[in-house]
C-alpha atoms as a PDB file:
ATOM      1  CA  UNK A   1      -0.296  -0.232  -0.096  1.00  0.00           C
ATOM      2  CA  UNK A   2       2.692   2.455   0.861  1.00  0.00           C
ATOM      3  CA  UNK A   3       4.749   1.758  -1.803  1.00  0.00           C
ATOM      4  CA  UNK A   4       1.923   2.117  -4.590  1.00  0.00           C
ATOM      5  CA  UNK A   5       1.447   5.483  -2.428  1.00  0.00           C
ATOM      6  CA  UNK A   6       4.452   6.534  -2.797  1.00  0.00           C
ATOM      7  CA  UNK A   7       5.237   5.540  -6.477  1.00  0.00           C
ATOM      8  CA  UNK A   8       1.993   7.460  -7.293  1.00  0.00           C
ATOM      9  CA  UNK A   9       3.507  10.908  -5.274  1.00  0.00           C
ATOM     10  CA  UNK A  10       7.188  10.086  -6.867  1.00  0.00           C
ATOM     11  CA  UNK A  11       5.247  10.114 -10.554  1.00  0.00           C
ATOM     12  CA  UNK A  12       4.329  13.742  -9.663  1.00  0.00           C
ATOM     13  CA  UNK A  13       8.170  14.800  -9.167  1.00  0.00           C
ATOM     14  CA  UNK A  14       9.767  16.393 -12.214  1.00  0.00           C
ATOM     15  CA  UNK A  15      13.368  14.883 -11.873  1.00  0.00           C
ATOM     16  CA  UNK A  16      15.128  13.556 -15.047  1.00  0.00           C
ATOM     17  CA  UNK A  17      15.647  10.240 -16.057  1.00  0.00           C
ATOM     18  CA  UNK A  18      19.425   8.851 -16.538  1.00  0.00           C
ATOM     19  CA  UNK A  19      21.207  11.480 -14.812  1.00  0.00           C
ATOM     20  CA  UNK A  20      23.173  11.028 -11.646  1.00  0.00           C
ATOM     21  CA  UNK A  21      22.330  11.992  -8.614  1.00  0.00           C
ATOM     22  CA  UNK A  22      24.287  14.341  -5.990  1.00  0.00           C
ATOM     23  CA  UNK A  23      22.754  16.047  -3.023  1.00  0.00           C
ATOM     24  CA  UNK A  24      19.515  13.647  -1.441  1.00  0.00           C
ATOM     25  CA  UNK A  25      18.615  16.477  -0.126  1.00  0.00           C
ATOM     26  CA  UNK A  26      18.867  19.043  -3.045  1.00  0.00           C
ATOM     27  CA  UNK A  27      16.346  19.750  -5.958  1.00  0.00           C
ATOM     28  CA  UNK A  28      13.251  17.523  -7.135  1.00  0.00           C
ATOM     29  CA  UNK A  29      14.779  14.574  -5.308  1.00  0.00           C
ATOM     30  CA  UNK A  30      14.257  15.918  -2.099  1.00  0.00           C
ATOM     31  CA  UNK A  31      10.209  16.082  -3.099  1.00  0.00           C
ATOM     32  CA  UNK A  32      10.387  11.935  -3.900  1.00  0.00           C
ATOM     33  CA  UNK A  33       9.240   9.694  -1.093  1.00  0.00           C
ATOM     34  CA  UNK A  34      10.574   6.199   0.101  1.00  0.00           C
ATOM     35  CA  UNK A  35       8.836   4.455   2.643  1.00  0.00           C
ATOM     36  CA  UNK A  36       7.069   7.210   5.403  1.00  0.00           C
ATOM     37  CA  UNK A  37      10.107   9.822   4.571  1.00  0.00           C
ATOM     38  CA  UNK A  38      11.168  11.983   2.216  1.00  0.00           C
ATOM     39  CA  UNK A  39      14.166  10.621  -0.107  1.00  0.00           C
ATOM     40  CA  UNK A  40      16.602  13.465   1.731  1.00  0.00           C
ATOM     41  CA  UNK A  41      16.373  11.694   5.005  1.00  0.00           C
ATOM     42  CA  UNK A  42      16.530   7.759   3.780  1.00  0.00           C
ATOM     43  CA  UNK A  43      16.821   7.628  -0.157  1.00  0.00           C
ATOM     44  CA  UNK A  44      20.583   7.039  -0.423  1.00  0.00           C
ATOM     45  CA  UNK A  45      20.659   2.944  -1.375  1.00  0.00           C
ATOM     46  CA  UNK A  46      17.838   4.003  -4.337  1.00  0.00           C
ATOM     47  CA  UNK A  47      20.063   6.859  -5.440  1.00  0.00           C
ATOM     48  CA  UNK A  48      23.638   4.552  -5.219  1.00  0.00           C
ATOM     49  CA  UNK A  49      21.545   2.122  -7.175  1.00  0.00           C
ATOM     50  CA  UNK A  50      20.418   4.532  -9.880  1.00  0.00           C
ATOM     51  CA  UNK A  51      23.703   6.417  -9.730  1.00  0.00           C
ATOM     52  CA  UNK A  52      25.766   3.150 -10.266  1.00  0.00           C
ATOM     53  CA  UNK A  53      23.061   1.950 -13.772  1.00  0.00           C
ATOM     54  CA  UNK A  54      23.589   5.375 -14.904  1.00  0.00           C
ATOM     55  CA  UNK A  55      27.466   5.555 -14.649  1.00  0.00           C
ATOM     56  CA  UNK A  56      27.661   1.829 -16.289  1.00  0.00           C
ATOM     57  CA  UNK A  57      25.365   3.981 -19.293  1.00  0.00           C
ATOM     58  CA  UNK A  58      22.185   1.798 -18.459  1.00  0.00           C
ATOM     59  CA  UNK A  59      18.519   3.635 -18.591  1.00  0.00           C
ATOM     60  CA  UNK A  60      17.888   4.589 -14.781  1.00  0.00           C
ATOM     61  CA  UNK A  61      14.585   5.969 -13.764  1.00  0.00           C
ATOM     62  CA  UNK A  62      15.031   6.775  -9.901  1.00  0.00           C
ATOM     63  CA  UNK A  63      11.444   6.643  -9.329  1.00  0.00           C
ATOM     64  CA  UNK A  64      10.972   2.663 -10.439  1.00  0.00           C
ATOM     65  CA  UNK A  65      13.852   1.920  -8.553  1.00  0.00           C
ATOM     66  CA  UNK A  66      12.217   2.814  -5.407  1.00  0.00           C
ATOM     67  CA  UNK A  67       9.144   1.133  -6.210  1.00  0.00           C
ATOM     68  CA  UNK A  68      10.875  -2.380  -6.878  1.00  0.00           C
ATOM     69  CA  UNK A  69      13.218  -2.423  -4.526  1.00  0.00           C
ATOM     70  CA  UNK A  70      10.964  -1.067  -1.503  1.00  0.00           C
ATOM     71  CA  UNK A  71       9.316  -4.415  -0.903  1.00  0.00           C
ATOM     72  CA  UNK A  72      12.933  -6.240  -1.049  1.00  0.00           C
ATOM     73  CA  UNK A  73      15.119  -4.411   0.918  1.00  0.00           C
ATOM     74  CA  UNK A  74      13.678  -1.577   3.128  1.00  0.00           C
ATOM     75  CA  UNK A  75      14.153  -1.334   6.776  1.00  0.00           C
ATOM     76  CA  UNK A  76      10.849  -0.435   9.194  1.00  0.00           C
ATOM     77  CA  UNK A  77       8.624   1.190   6.908  1.00  0.00           C
ATOM     78  CA  UNK A  78      11.985   2.687   5.148  1.00  0.00           C
ATOM     79  CA  UNK A  79      12.222   4.961   8.727  1.00  0.00           C
ATOM     80  CA  UNK A  80      15.948   3.184   8.528  1.00  0.00           C
ATOM     81  CA  UNK A  81      16.534   3.199   4.519  1.00  0.00           C
ATOM     82  CA  UNK A  82      16.900   0.315   3.258  1.00  0.00           C
ATOM     83  CA  UNK A  83      19.569  -2.855   4.250  1.00  0.00           C
ATOM     84  CA  UNK A  84      22.392  -2.652   2.243  1.00  0.00           C
ATOM     85  CA  UNK A  85      23.149  -6.033   2.373  1.00  0.00           C
ATOM     86  CA  UNK A  86      20.106  -6.520   0.230  1.00  0.00           C
ATOM     87  CA  UNK A  87      21.254  -4.874  -2.749  1.00  0.00           C
ATOM     88  CA  UNK A  88      22.497  -7.209  -4.650  1.00  0.00           C
ATOM     89  CA  UNK A  89      19.331  -8.267  -5.579  1.00  0.00           C
ATOM     90  CA  UNK A  90      18.987  -5.443  -7.871  1.00  0.00           C
ATOM     91  CA  UNK A  91      21.774  -6.405 -10.165  1.00  0.00           C
ATOM     92  CA  UNK A  92      20.651  -9.926 -10.027  1.00  0.00           C
ATOM     93  CA  UNK A  93      17.505  -9.323 -11.710  1.00  0.00           C
ATOM     94  CA  UNK A  94      19.420  -7.243 -14.306  1.00  0.00           C
ATOM     95  CA  UNK A  95      22.269  -9.960 -14.827  1.00  0.00           C
ATOM     96  CA  UNK A  96      24.907  -7.512 -14.356  1.00  0.00           C
ATOM     97  CA  UNK A  97      28.074  -9.211 -12.454  1.00  0.00           C
ATOM     98  CA  UNK A  98      29.303  -7.880  -9.133  1.00  0.00           C
ATOM     99  CA  UNK A  99      30.509  -8.815  -6.010  1.00  0.00           C
ATOM    100  CA  UNK A 100      29.836  -7.848  -2.664  1.00  0.00           C
ATOM    101  CA  UNK A 101      32.523  -7.612  -0.299  1.00  0.00           C
ATOM    102  CA  UNK A 102      31.993  -7.076   3.610  1.00  0.00           C
ATOM    103  CA  UNK A 103      36.141  -6.427   4.303  1.00  0.00           C
ATOM    104  CA  UNK A 104      37.380  -2.827   3.639  1.00  0.00           C
ATOM    105  CA  UNK A 105      40.476  -3.733   2.183  1.00  0.00           C
ATOM    106  CA  UNK A 106      39.507  -6.142  -0.142  1.00  0.00           C
ATOM    107  CA  UNK A 107      36.473  -3.082  -1.253  1.00  0.00           C
ATOM    108  CA  UNK A 108      39.334  -0.959  -1.792  1.00  0.00           C
ATOM    109  CA  UNK A 109      42.180  -2.503  -3.287  1.00  0.00           C
ATOM    110  CA  UNK A 110      39.545  -3.717  -6.049  1.00  0.00           C
ATOM    111  CA  UNK A 111      38.518  -0.386  -7.052  1.00  0.00           C
ATOM    112  CA  UNK A 112      40.752  -0.499  -9.686  1.00  0.00           C
ATOM    113  CA  UNK A 113      39.377  -3.499 -11.755  1.00  0.00           C
ATOM    114  CA  UNK A 114      35.544  -2.249 -11.724  1.00  0.00           C
ATOM    115  CA  UNK A 115      33.900   0.972 -13.568  1.00  0.00           C
ATOM    116  CA  UNK A 116      31.286   1.648 -10.749  1.00  0.00           C
ATOM    117  CA  UNK A 117      30.928   0.030  -6.692  1.00  0.00           C
ATOM    118  CA  UNK A 118      28.542   1.058  -4.495  1.00  0.00           C
ATOM    119  CA  UNK A 119      29.753   1.569  -0.738  1.00  0.00           C
ATOM    120  CA  UNK A 120      28.136   1.308   2.962  1.00  0.00           C
ATOM    121  CA  UNK A 121      29.324   2.868   5.930  1.00  0.00           C
ATOM    122  CA  UNK A 122      28.685   4.224   9.086  1.00  0.00           C
ATOM    123  CA  UNK A 123      28.041   7.939   9.174  1.00  0.00           C
ATOM    124  CA  UNK A 124      29.548   8.696  12.524  1.00  0.00           C
ATOM    125  CA  UNK A 125      30.043   7.259  15.962  1.00  0.00           C
ATOM    126  CA  UNK A 126      27.610   8.826  17.646  1.00  0.00           C
ATOM    127  CA  UNK A 127      24.218   7.133  18.305  1.00  0.00           C
ATOM    128  CA  UNK A 128      21.401   7.616  15.656  1.00  0.00           C
ATOM    129  CA  UNK A 129      23.605   9.188  12.978  1.00  0.00           C
ATOM    130  CA  UNK A 130      23.000   5.865  11.243  1.00  0.00           C
ATOM    131  CA  UNK A 131      24.647   4.922   7.843  1.00  0.00           C
ATOM    132  CA  UNK A 132      24.808   6.361   4.268  1.00  0.00           C
ATOM    133  CA  UNK A 133      25.544   4.276   0.820  1.00  0.00           C
ATOM    134  CA  UNK A 134      26.959   6.329  -1.994  1.00  0.00           C
ATOM    135  CA  UNK A 135      28.557   5.065  -5.535  1.00  0.00           C
ATOM    136  CA  UNK A 136      31.743   5.464  -6.181  1.00  0.00           C
ATOM    137  CA  UNK A 137      34.523   5.414  -9.148  1.00  0.00           C
ATOM    138  CA  UNK A 138      38.242   5.511  -9.420  1.00  0.00           C
ATOM    139  CA  UNK A 139      38.947   8.865 -11.522  1.00  0.00           C
ATOM    140  CA  UNK A 140      42.562   9.892 -12.224  1.00  0.00           C
ATOM    141  CA  UNK A 141      43.762   8.471  -9.613  1.00  0.00           C
ATOM    142  CA  UNK A 142      41.266   9.638  -7.029  1.00  0.00           C
ATOM    143  CA  UNK A 143      38.256   8.043  -5.431  1.00  0.00           C
ATOM    144  CA  UNK A 144      34.952   9.747  -6.718  1.00  0.00           C
ATOM    145  CA  UNK A 145      31.980   9.902  -4.548  1.00  0.00           C
ATOM    146  CA  UNK A 146      28.448  10.478  -5.669  1.00  0.00           C
ATOM    147  CA  UNK A 147      25.641  11.370  -3.427  1.00  0.00           C
ATOM    148  CA  UNK A 148      28.397  11.893  -0.733  1.00  0.00           C
ATOM    149  CA  UNK A 149      26.806  14.543   1.342  1.00  0.00           C
ATOM    150  CA  UNK A 150      22.694  15.122   1.443  1.00  0.00           C
ATOM    151  CA  UNK A 151      22.548  19.356   0.613  1.00  0.00           C
ATOM    152  CA  UNK A 152      25.785  19.421  -1.964  1.00  0.00           C
ATOM    153  CA  UNK A 153      24.793  18.495  -5.615  1.00  0.00           C
ATOM    154  CA  UNK A 154      28.475  17.568  -6.874  1.00  0.00           C
ATOM    155  CA  UNK A 155      30.373  14.728  -6.197  1.00  0.00           C
ATOM    156  CA  UNK A 156      33.451  14.898  -4.266  1.00  0.00           C
ATOM    157  CA  UNK A 157      36.649  13.539  -4.803  1.00  0.00           C
ATOM    158  CA  UNK A 158      39.042  11.990  -2.313  1.00  0.00           C
ATOM    159  CA  UNK A 159      43.151  10.963  -2.285  1.00  0.00           C
ATOM    160  CA  UNK A 160      42.490   8.119  -0.679  1.00  0.00           C
ATOM    161  CA  UNK A 161      40.662   5.415   1.010  1.00  0.00           C
ATOM    162  CA  UNK A 162      42.103   6.992   4.405  1.00  0.00           C
ATOM    163  CA  UNK A 163      40.629   9.985   3.459  1.00  0.00           C
ATOM    164  CA  UNK A 164      37.081   9.195   2.615  1.00  0.00           C
ATOM    165  CA  UNK A 165      36.452   6.700   5.052  1.00  0.00           C
ATOM    166  CA  UNK A 166      39.543   6.541   7.844  1.00  0.00           C
ATOM    167  CA  UNK A 167      38.685   4.268  10.146  1.00  0.00           C
ATOM    168  CA  UNK A 168      37.644   0.468   8.876  1.00  0.00           C
ATOM    169  CA  UNK A 169      35.187  -0.188  11.371  1.00  0.00           C
ATOM    170  CA  UNK A 170      33.171   2.455   9.753  1.00  0.00           C
ATOM    171  CA  UNK A 171      32.737   0.347   6.638  1.00  0.00           C
ATOM    172  CA  UNK A 172      29.558  -1.747   6.385  1.00  0.00           C
ATOM    173  CA  UNK A 173      29.621  -3.442   3.011  1.00  0.00           C
ATOM    174  CA  UNK A 174      30.313  -2.733  -0.654  1.00  0.00           C
ATOM    175  CA  UNK A 175      29.421  -4.306  -4.398  1.00  0.00           C
ATOM    176  CA  UNK A 176      32.146  -4.214  -7.022  1.00  0.00           C
ATOM    177  CA  UNK A 177      29.776  -3.628 -10.375  1.00  0.00           C
ATOM    178  CA  UNK A 178      31.234  -5.384 -13.593  1.00  0.00           C
ATOM    179  CA  UNK A 179      34.644  -6.496 -12.169  1.00  0.00           C
ATOM    180  CA  UNK A 180      37.419  -6.935 -14.435  1.00  0.00           C
ATOM    181  CA  UNK A 181      38.944 -10.365 -12.871  1.00  0.00           C
ATOM    182  CA  UNK A 182      41.546 -10.147 -15.087  1.00  0.00           C
ATOM    183  CA  UNK A 183      43.484  -7.391 -13.568  1.00  0.00           C
ATOM    184  CA  UNK A 184      43.756  -9.896 -10.457  1.00  0.00           C
END
């Protein structure tokens, strides 16, 4: 029921398809719904899936991503966004090769062999700051992060994994999409 209500609402939001989204609290995407909340609060996993498809050159409409994934990955009516450990089903249904890892070093050591990846991590160690999920790419030797901050509509480049995610313990999981295993 909630999924259908949100989908009808999201159809009224004039968000362009096939464009990378940065700053989930900025612009039209902030008006969209996911579960009981606005996407500006809890939409990072859906935005990461959408962004990964766009960066792979695939067709993607965030409204459709939300509709598809809500029943499969949402956490407590979307109040806690989505369970990042369940996002692989999105790629499986599309026949897109991926590898999920729960290891910080394995994820970052293999970024060079994948055109795009999805990363989930704890925001802060203080209670109730939750987690965040982003799309990442290696671009000119830097780690480019899409939708890094809620209120900034540009991607961010980081010189190193430690600059992006200083504590290994903050890493939750990562998805290496279309990984080229010939580089291993």
